[in-house]
Protein backbone atom coordinates (compact mmCIF):
# COMPACT_ATOMS: atom_id res chain seq x y z
CA MET A 1 10.41 -35.30 -14.71
CA SER A 2 10.31 -37.25 -11.45
CA LEU A 3 8.10 -35.69 -8.77
CA LEU A 4 8.72 -37.66 -5.62
CA PRO A 5 7.23 -37.49 -2.11
CA ILE A 6 9.41 -35.40 0.18
CA THR A 7 10.15 -37.27 3.38
CA ALA A 8 13.42 -35.63 4.41
CA PHE A 9 12.10 -32.14 5.22
CA SER A 10 10.42 -30.92 8.39
CA TYR A 11 7.66 -28.39 7.77
CA ARG A 12 7.13 -25.76 10.46
CA ALA A 13 3.67 -24.44 11.26
CA ASP A 14 3.74 -21.68 13.88
CA THR A 15 5.70 -23.25 16.75
CA MET A 16 5.06 -26.85 15.70
CA THR A 17 7.38 -29.00 13.65
CA ILE A 18 5.68 -31.69 11.59
CA THR A 19 6.90 -34.24 9.10
CA SER A 20 4.87 -34.43 5.89
CA GLN A 21 4.52 -37.01 3.18
CA GLN A 22 3.07 -34.35 0.88
CA LEU A 23 4.67 -33.44 -2.39
CA LEU A 24 6.28 -30.01 -2.48
CA LEU A 25 6.40 -27.18 -5.02
CA VAL A 26 8.63 -24.14 -4.51
CA PHE A 27 7.75 -20.91 -6.34
CA THR A 28 10.33 -18.13 -6.55
CA ASP A 29 10.72 -14.60 -7.78
CA LEU A 30 14.06 -13.78 -9.43
CA ASP A 31 15.36 -10.20 -9.13
CA GLY A 32 16.05 -9.37 -5.49
CA SER A 33 15.13 -12.92 -4.48
CA LEU A 34 16.92 -15.87 -6.08
CA LEU A 35 19.08 -13.35 -7.97
CA ASP A 36 20.98 -10.42 -6.48
CA HIS A 37 19.21 -7.16 -7.34
CA ALA A 38 22.33 -5.49 -8.76
CA THR A 39 24.60 -8.30 -9.99
CA TYR A 40 22.04 -11.08 -10.75
CA ASP A 41 24.34 -13.50 -8.92
CA TYR A 42 22.78 -16.53 -7.20
CA THR A 43 25.85 -18.02 -5.50
CA PRO A 44 24.43 -17.81 -1.92
CA ALA A 45 21.44 -19.90 -3.07
CA LYS A 46 23.46 -22.76 -4.54
CA ARG A 47 23.25 -24.94 -1.42
CA TRP A 48 19.45 -24.95 -1.51
CA LEU A 49 19.32 -25.25 -5.30
CA ALA A 50 21.35 -28.44 -5.01
CA CYS A 51 19.20 -29.69 -2.11
CA LEU A 52 15.93 -29.18 -4.00
CA ALA A 53 17.37 -30.83 -7.12
CA GLN A 54 18.62 -33.81 -5.12
CA ARG A 55 15.15 -34.35 -3.70
CA SER A 56 13.38 -33.79 -7.05
CA VAL A 57 11.45 -30.79 -5.72
CA PRO A 58 10.21 -28.69 -8.67
CA LEU A 59 11.55 -25.13 -8.41
CA ILE A 60 9.10 -22.96 -10.35
CA ILE A 61 10.30 -19.50 -11.35
CA ASN A 62 7.56 -16.86 -11.02
CA THR A 63 8.90 -13.57 -12.32
CA SER A 64 8.26 -10.35 -14.21
CA LYS A 65 10.98 -11.37 -16.68
CA THR A 66 10.10 -12.57 -20.16
CA ALA A 67 10.06 -16.22 -21.19
CA ALA A 68 13.14 -15.60 -23.34
CA GLU A 69 15.03 -14.31 -20.29
CA VAL A 70 13.85 -17.09 -18.01
CA MET A 71 14.74 -19.84 -20.47
CA VAL A 72 18.43 -18.87 -20.34
CA LEU A 73 18.50 -19.11 -16.54
CA HIS A 74 16.30 -22.22 -16.57
CA GLN A 75 18.87 -24.02 -18.70
CA ARG A 76 21.79 -22.70 -16.64
CA LEU A 77 20.22 -24.04 -13.44
CA GLU A 78 19.23 -27.30 -15.18
CA LEU A 79 15.62 -26.95 -14.08
CA GLU A 80 12.89 -29.20 -15.45
CA ALA A 81 9.82 -27.59 -13.89
CA PRO A 82 7.34 -25.20 -15.52
CA PHE A 83 7.93 -21.48 -15.12
CA ILE A 84 5.75 -18.38 -14.91
CA ALA A 85 6.77 -15.26 -16.84
CA GLU A 86 5.72 -11.61 -17.04
CA ASN A 87 4.14 -11.42 -13.58
CA GLY A 88 1.82 -14.36 -14.22
CA ALA A 89 0.69 -13.35 -17.68
CA SER A 90 2.06 -16.58 -19.20
CA ILE A 91 2.83 -20.11 -18.01
CA HIS A 92 5.35 -22.32 -19.80
CA LEU A 93 4.92 -26.07 -19.48
CA PRO A 94 7.46 -28.80 -20.22
CA ALA A 95 6.03 -31.82 -22.02
CA SER A 96 5.77 -33.81 -18.78
CA TRP A 97 3.25 -31.27 -17.41
CA CYS A 98 1.08 -31.11 -20.55
CA LEU A 99 -2.37 -32.67 -20.92
CA ASP A 100 -4.26 -31.23 -23.91
CA GLU A 101 -1.46 -28.83 -24.83
CA THR A 102 0.88 -29.59 -27.71
CA PRO A 103 4.53 -28.77 -26.99
CA ASP A 104 6.51 -26.88 -29.61
CA GLU A 105 9.66 -28.17 -31.31
CA HIS A 106 11.63 -27.30 -28.17
CA GLY A 107 9.31 -29.31 -25.92
CA TRP A 108 7.40 -26.42 -24.33
CA ALA A 109 3.76 -25.30 -24.36
CA ASN A 110 2.83 -21.67 -23.68
CA ILE A 111 -0.37 -20.80 -21.78
CA VAL A 112 -1.29 -17.10 -21.98
CA LEU A 113 -3.51 -16.07 -19.07
CA GLY A 114 -3.64 -12.36 -19.79
CA GLU A 115 -4.02 -9.97 -22.70
CA SER A 116 -1.68 -9.85 -25.67
CA TYR A 117 1.21 -7.40 -25.67
CA ARG A 118 -0.21 -5.74 -28.77
CA ARG A 119 -3.50 -4.95 -27.05
CA ILE A 120 -1.75 -3.69 -23.90
CA ARG A 121 0.37 -1.30 -25.97
CA SER A 122 -2.70 -0.16 -27.87
CA VAL A 123 -4.54 0.69 -24.64
CA LEU A 124 -1.51 2.50 -23.23
CA GLU A 125 -1.12 4.61 -26.36
CA ALA A 126 -4.81 5.52 -26.30
CA ILE A 127 -4.67 6.55 -22.64
CA ARG A 128 -1.51 8.58 -23.14
CA GLY A 129 -3.03 10.28 -26.15
CA THR A 130 -6.16 11.40 -24.33
CA GLU A 131 -4.86 12.00 -20.78
CA ARG A 132 -1.32 13.21 -21.52
CA PHE A 133 0.09 11.12 -18.68
CA ARG A 134 3.88 11.04 -18.50
CA PHE A 135 5.22 7.49 -18.56
CA ARG A 136 7.51 5.34 -20.67
CA GLY A 137 7.27 1.61 -21.30
CA PHE A 138 9.59 -0.95 -22.81
CA GLY A 139 7.79 -0.40 -26.11
CA ASP A 140 9.10 3.18 -26.03
CA PHE A 141 12.67 2.15 -25.17
CA SER A 142 15.55 1.21 -27.41
CA ILE A 143 17.54 -1.88 -26.43
CA GLU A 144 20.21 0.46 -25.06
CA GLU A 145 17.65 2.16 -22.81
CA VAL A 146 16.36 -1.19 -21.55
CA ALA A 147 19.95 -2.09 -20.64
CA GLU A 148 20.41 1.26 -18.90
CA HIS A 149 17.26 0.97 -16.79
CA THR A 150 17.69 -2.70 -15.87
CA GLY A 151 21.46 -3.04 -15.56
CA LEU A 152 21.36 -5.93 -18.04
CA GLU A 153 23.95 -6.65 -20.67
CA MET A 154 22.86 -5.83 -24.22
CA HIS A 155 22.06 -9.44 -25.16
CA ASP A 156 19.94 -9.88 -22.03
CA ALA A 157 18.25 -6.53 -22.65
CA GLU A 158 17.21 -7.80 -26.09
CA LEU A 159 15.56 -10.80 -24.41
CA ALA A 160 13.77 -8.50 -21.95
CA HIS A 161 12.39 -6.53 -24.90
CA VAL A 162 10.64 -9.61 -26.38
CA ARG A 163 7.30 -9.54 -24.57
CA ASP A 164 4.14 -11.66 -24.84
CA ALA A 165 1.58 -10.27 -22.42
CA SER A 166 2.79 -7.44 -20.14
CA GLU A 167 4.46 -4.02 -20.30
CA PRO A 168 6.91 -2.67 -17.70
CA LEU A 169 6.87 1.10 -17.44
CA ILE A 170 8.44 4.00 -15.58
CA TRP A 171 5.86 6.39 -14.13
CA GLU A 172 6.96 10.04 -14.48
CA ASP A 173 3.73 11.75 -13.41
CA SER A 174 2.00 12.53 -10.08
CA GLU A 175 0.55 10.08 -7.57
CA GLU A 176 -2.89 11.52 -8.26
CA SER A 177 -2.49 10.86 -11.96
CA LEU A 178 -1.24 7.35 -11.18
CA GLU A 179 -4.52 6.52 -9.44
CA ARG A 180 -6.55 7.77 -12.40
CA PHE A 181 -4.28 5.80 -14.72
CA ARG A 182 -4.92 2.67 -12.65
CA LEU A 183 -8.70 3.17 -12.87
CA LEU A 184 -8.56 3.67 -16.63
CA LEU A 185 -6.61 0.44 -16.97
CA ILE A 186 -9.23 -1.43 -14.92
CA GLY A 187 -11.90 -0.07 -17.24
CA ALA A 188 -9.96 -1.54 -20.16
CA GLY A 189 -9.62 -4.96 -18.53
CA LEU A 190 -6.03 -4.40 -17.47
CA SER A 191 -4.27 -4.11 -14.10
CA LEU A 192 -1.23 -2.34 -12.72
CA THR A 193 1.24 -3.91 -10.31
CA GLN A 194 4.41 -2.50 -8.79
CA GLY A 195 7.70 -4.36 -8.96
CA GLY A 196 11.18 -3.57 -7.72
CA ARG A 197 12.17 -1.39 -10.68
CA PHE A 198 9.01 -0.82 -12.72
CA TYR A 199 5.25 -0.75 -12.74
CA HIS A 200 3.82 -3.57 -14.84
CA VAL A 201 0.62 -3.51 -16.92
CA LEU A 202 -1.04 -6.86 -17.66
CA GLY A 203 -4.46 -8.42 -18.16
CA ASP A 204 -6.66 -8.41 -15.07
CA ASN A 205 -7.31 -12.15 -15.48
CA SER A 206 -3.62 -12.93 -14.95
CA GLY A 207 -1.14 -12.50 -12.11
CA LYS A 208 1.41 -14.41 -10.06
CA GLY A 209 -1.21 -15.83 -7.71
CA ARG A 210 -3.55 -16.98 -10.46
CA ALA A 211 -0.68 -18.65 -12.30
CA ILE A 212 0.23 -20.55 -9.14
CA ALA A 213 -3.37 -21.70 -8.71
CA TRP A 214 -3.38 -22.91 -12.33
CA LEU A 215 -0.18 -24.94 -11.83
CA VAL A 216 -1.28 -26.38 -8.49
CA ASP A 217 -4.51 -27.55 -10.13
CA ARG A 218 -2.54 -29.08 -13.01
CA TYR A 219 -0.21 -30.84 -10.59
CA HIS A 220 -3.23 -32.22 -8.73
CA LEU A 221 -4.63 -33.58 -11.99
CA LEU A 222 -1.30 -35.18 -12.89
CA LYS A 223 -0.48 -36.70 -9.51
CA GLY A 224 -3.82 -37.00 -7.71
CA GLN A 225 -2.53 -35.10 -4.69
CA ARG A 226 -2.38 -31.43 -3.83
CA PRO A 227 1.19 -30.35 -3.00
CA LEU A 228 2.44 -28.24 -0.15
CA THR A 229 3.57 -24.92 -1.64
CA VAL A 230 6.32 -22.50 -0.62
CA GLY A 231 6.75 -19.07 -2.22
CA LEU A 232 9.61 -16.56 -2.02
CA GLY A 233 9.61 -12.94 -3.21
CA ASP A 234 10.70 -9.42 -2.29
CA GLY A 235 8.40 -6.90 -4.00
CA PRO A 236 4.81 -5.64 -4.03
CA ASN A 237 4.16 -7.60 -7.21
CA ASP A 238 5.00 -10.78 -5.26
CA VAL A 239 2.14 -10.30 -2.78
CA PRO A 240 -0.38 -12.33 -4.85
CA MET A 241 2.16 -15.17 -4.94
CA LEU A 242 2.89 -15.01 -1.21
CA GLU A 243 -0.83 -14.96 -0.43
CA SER A 244 -1.40 -18.03 -2.62
CA VAL A 245 1.06 -20.47 -1.03
CA ASP A 246 1.04 -22.51 2.16
CA ARG A 247 4.36 -21.09 3.44
CA ALA A 248 5.57 -17.66 2.34
CA VAL A 249 8.94 -15.90 2.51
CA LEU A 250 9.13 -12.12 2.18
CA ILE A 251 12.75 -11.35 1.39
CA ARG A 252 14.16 -8.07 2.65
CA GLY A 253 14.03 -5.71 -0.33
CA GLU A 254 16.38 -3.14 -1.79
CA HIS A 255 13.88 -0.29 -2.07
CA ASP A 256 12.22 -0.19 1.36
CA LEU A 257 8.81 -0.36 -0.28
CA SER A 258 5.77 -0.76 1.95
CA ILE A 259 4.46 -4.29 1.47
CA SER A 260 1.20 -5.38 3.09
CA ILE A 261 0.37 -9.08 3.28
CA ALA A 262 -2.78 -10.65 4.72
CA ASP A 263 -2.56 -11.68 8.37
CA THR A 264 -3.74 -15.17 7.46
CA VAL A 265 -0.52 -15.91 5.53
CA ASN A 266 2.07 -18.21 7.12
CA LEU A 267 4.82 -15.64 6.59
CA TYR A 268 8.51 -15.46 7.39
CA THR A 269 10.33 -12.16 6.76
CA THR A 270 14.08 -12.42 6.25
CA THR A 271 16.83 -10.26 7.69
CA GLN A 272 19.05 -10.76 4.64
CA LYS A 273 18.54 -9.58 1.07
CA GLY A 274 18.63 -11.35 -2.29
CA PRO A 275 19.81 -14.96 -2.58
CA ALA A 276 21.15 -14.94 0.99
CA GLY A 277 17.64 -14.04 2.19
CA TRP A 278 16.22 -16.65 -0.20
CA SER A 279 18.29 -19.36 1.50
CA GLU A 280 17.40 -17.96 4.92
CA GLY A 281 13.73 -18.36 4.10
CA LEU A 282 14.09 -21.97 3.01
CA ASP A 283 16.18 -22.66 6.10
CA HIS A 284 13.24 -21.41 8.16
CA TRP A 285 10.46 -23.39 6.50
CA LEU A 286 12.31 -26.49 5.30
CA GLY A 287 15.10 -26.54 7.89
């Protein structure tokens, strides 16, 4: 993969416009961001997808979706960059980004940052058995139920059911119980994050922000230069990503969730939703 200096973009910092010779990495959430929340369409983003591809800017997907789901879209968009799956629980590297890792027969290496799916399910079953909390995870769902709750077609729901290191769940209990549930997870070395549709349980040593830091460090090792980073997302689970990049885009969400981001973040909040907001954000920072 060719990673070239970006000389055609102007980077905005506050009210100043500067031209940078730095390399650029763009990290993006999918549902409600690059993809429409309801239809999963990305047509309004095509102009910027083509622009980034033309300038060899790696577009790195950073999503709660599984690797199996992401791979389908990755191929459709003809991307060559790494991608981050399951809210930062796993990183998937193409051969050109590998150092000590050995790619599989398809040319990819998988880095698991968090806990295994088996252990996460084991902890959840133990907590449910002792506390009687009311919740349901993907491990409790049939493929048909996954399709119903996500709006995915059956084939895509099957891909969403194949998990490596995180569990989406629907919380059906009280807010008070949710806080106790969160504390019990912390005691077991797990964490809880809220997405657009589900809560997600994953290892506390993983996350969207930590995965970004890992890839930025790897890029630095490969190229000898730290890149400028842009991140785009719409949900509470995207906050660690938006707080980890140099320029952040908070896309107007579908659920009117309260999202708090550190004041130190160079943040642009869009007026449009989904892929239209995604393009609006890149228009702002990369003009």
